[in-house]
Protein backbone atom coordinates (compact mmCIF):
# COMPACT_ATOMS: atom_id res chain seq x y z
CA MET A 1 -12.85 10.21 4.15
CA ILE A 2 -10.23 12.76 5.24
CA TRP A 3 -8.43 10.08 7.23
CA SER A 4 -8.31 7.86 4.10
CA ILE A 5 -6.79 10.70 2.09
CA ILE A 6 -4.15 11.31 4.76
CA VAL A 7 -3.26 7.61 5.00
CA GLY A 8 -3.25 7.36 1.17
CA GLY A 9 -0.79 10.26 1.03
CA PHE A 10 1.40 8.56 3.63
CA ILE A 11 1.36 5.29 1.66
CA GLY A 12 2.17 7.16 -1.57
CA PHE A 13 5.01 9.03 0.15
CA ILE A 14 6.59 5.79 1.41
CA ALA A 15 6.19 4.12 -1.99
CA GLY A 16 7.74 7.16 -3.69
CA ALA A 17 10.70 7.02 -1.32
CA LEU A 18 11.17 3.29 -1.97
CA THR A 19 11.12 3.77 -5.76
CA LYS A 20 13.26 6.95 -5.65
CA LYS A 21 10.43 8.80 -7.46
CA GLY A 22 9.23 10.73 -4.43
CA GLY A 23 11.01 13.93 -5.41
CA ALA A 24 9.22 14.07 -8.75
CA MET A 25 5.78 13.42 -7.23
CA GLY A 26 3.64 16.08 -5.63
CA ILE A 27 1.16 15.78 -2.80
CA ILE A 28 -1.78 14.98 -5.08
CA ALA A 29 0.23 12.31 -6.92
CA ASN A 30 1.21 10.76 -3.56
CA ILE A 31 -2.43 10.59 -2.50
CA ILE A 32 -3.55 9.09 -5.81
CA ALA A 33 -0.70 6.57 -5.82
CA GLY A 34 -1.50 5.62 -2.23
CA LEU A 35 -5.22 5.15 -2.79
CA LEU A 36 -4.79 3.26 -6.08
CA GLY A 37 -1.93 1.27 -4.60
CA SER A 38 -4.10 0.30 -1.67
CA SER A 39 -6.70 -1.18 -4.00
CA VAL A 40 -4.12 -2.93 -6.17
CA GLY A 41 -2.09 -4.23 -3.24
CA GLN A 42 -5.02 -5.58 -1.30
CA SER A 43 -6.45 -7.33 -4.34
CA LEU A 44 -3.09 -8.89 -5.25
CA PHE A 45 -1.64 -9.63 -1.81
CA GLY A 46 -4.70 -9.82 0.43
CA TYR A 47 -5.63 -7.98 3.57
CA TRP A 48 -2.98 -8.63 6.25
CA GLY A 49 -0.70 -6.67 8.52
CA PRO A 50 -1.41 -3.46 10.40
CA THR A 51 -4.33 -1.38 9.18
CA MET A 52 -5.14 2.32 9.16
CA ALA A 53 -8.35 3.82 7.79
CA GLY A 54 -9.41 0.40 6.52
CA MET A 55 -6.22 -0.08 4.48
CA ALA A 56 -3.75 -2.85 5.20
CA LEU A 57 -0.45 -0.95 5.18
CA ILE A 58 2.05 -3.51 3.88
CA PRO A 59 -0.01 -4.72 0.88
CA SER A 60 -0.99 -1.10 0.19
CA ILE A 61 2.64 0.05 0.08
CA LEU A 62 3.55 -2.86 -2.21
CA GLY A 63 0.61 -2.00 -4.46
CA ALA A 64 1.61 1.68 -4.55
CA VAL A 65 5.15 0.68 -5.56
CA ILE A 66 3.64 -1.33 -8.43
CA VAL A 67 1.41 1.60 -9.46
CA ILE A 68 4.35 4.04 -9.42
CA ALA A 69 6.54 1.63 -11.39
CA VAL A 70 3.86 1.12 -14.07
CA VAL A 71 3.14 4.85 -14.37
CA SER A 72 6.89 5.63 -14.60
CA LEU A 73 7.30 2.96 -17.25
CA LEU A 74 4.41 4.32 -19.32
CA PHE A 75 4.95 8.07 -18.84
CA GLY A 76 8.60 8.39 -17.82
CA LYS A 77 11.25 10.12 -19.86
CA ARG A 78 12.92 7.94 -22.43
């Protein structure tokens, strides 16, 4: 469980850096984006590539980028 949270935070951090939203996100937001992104990415893109804590990293990062983009679109400043 702890390992999943750490890996989720890592995935969220990478996705935040890719979308240039990492500075606005905190640690909790990184973890949530990483864990949600892992679910979204693996359901959309499948389970391939290197894995950590049961999460395929590449689809998880792509899913986290999608989650961050959707949340920014819905809740971002206009």
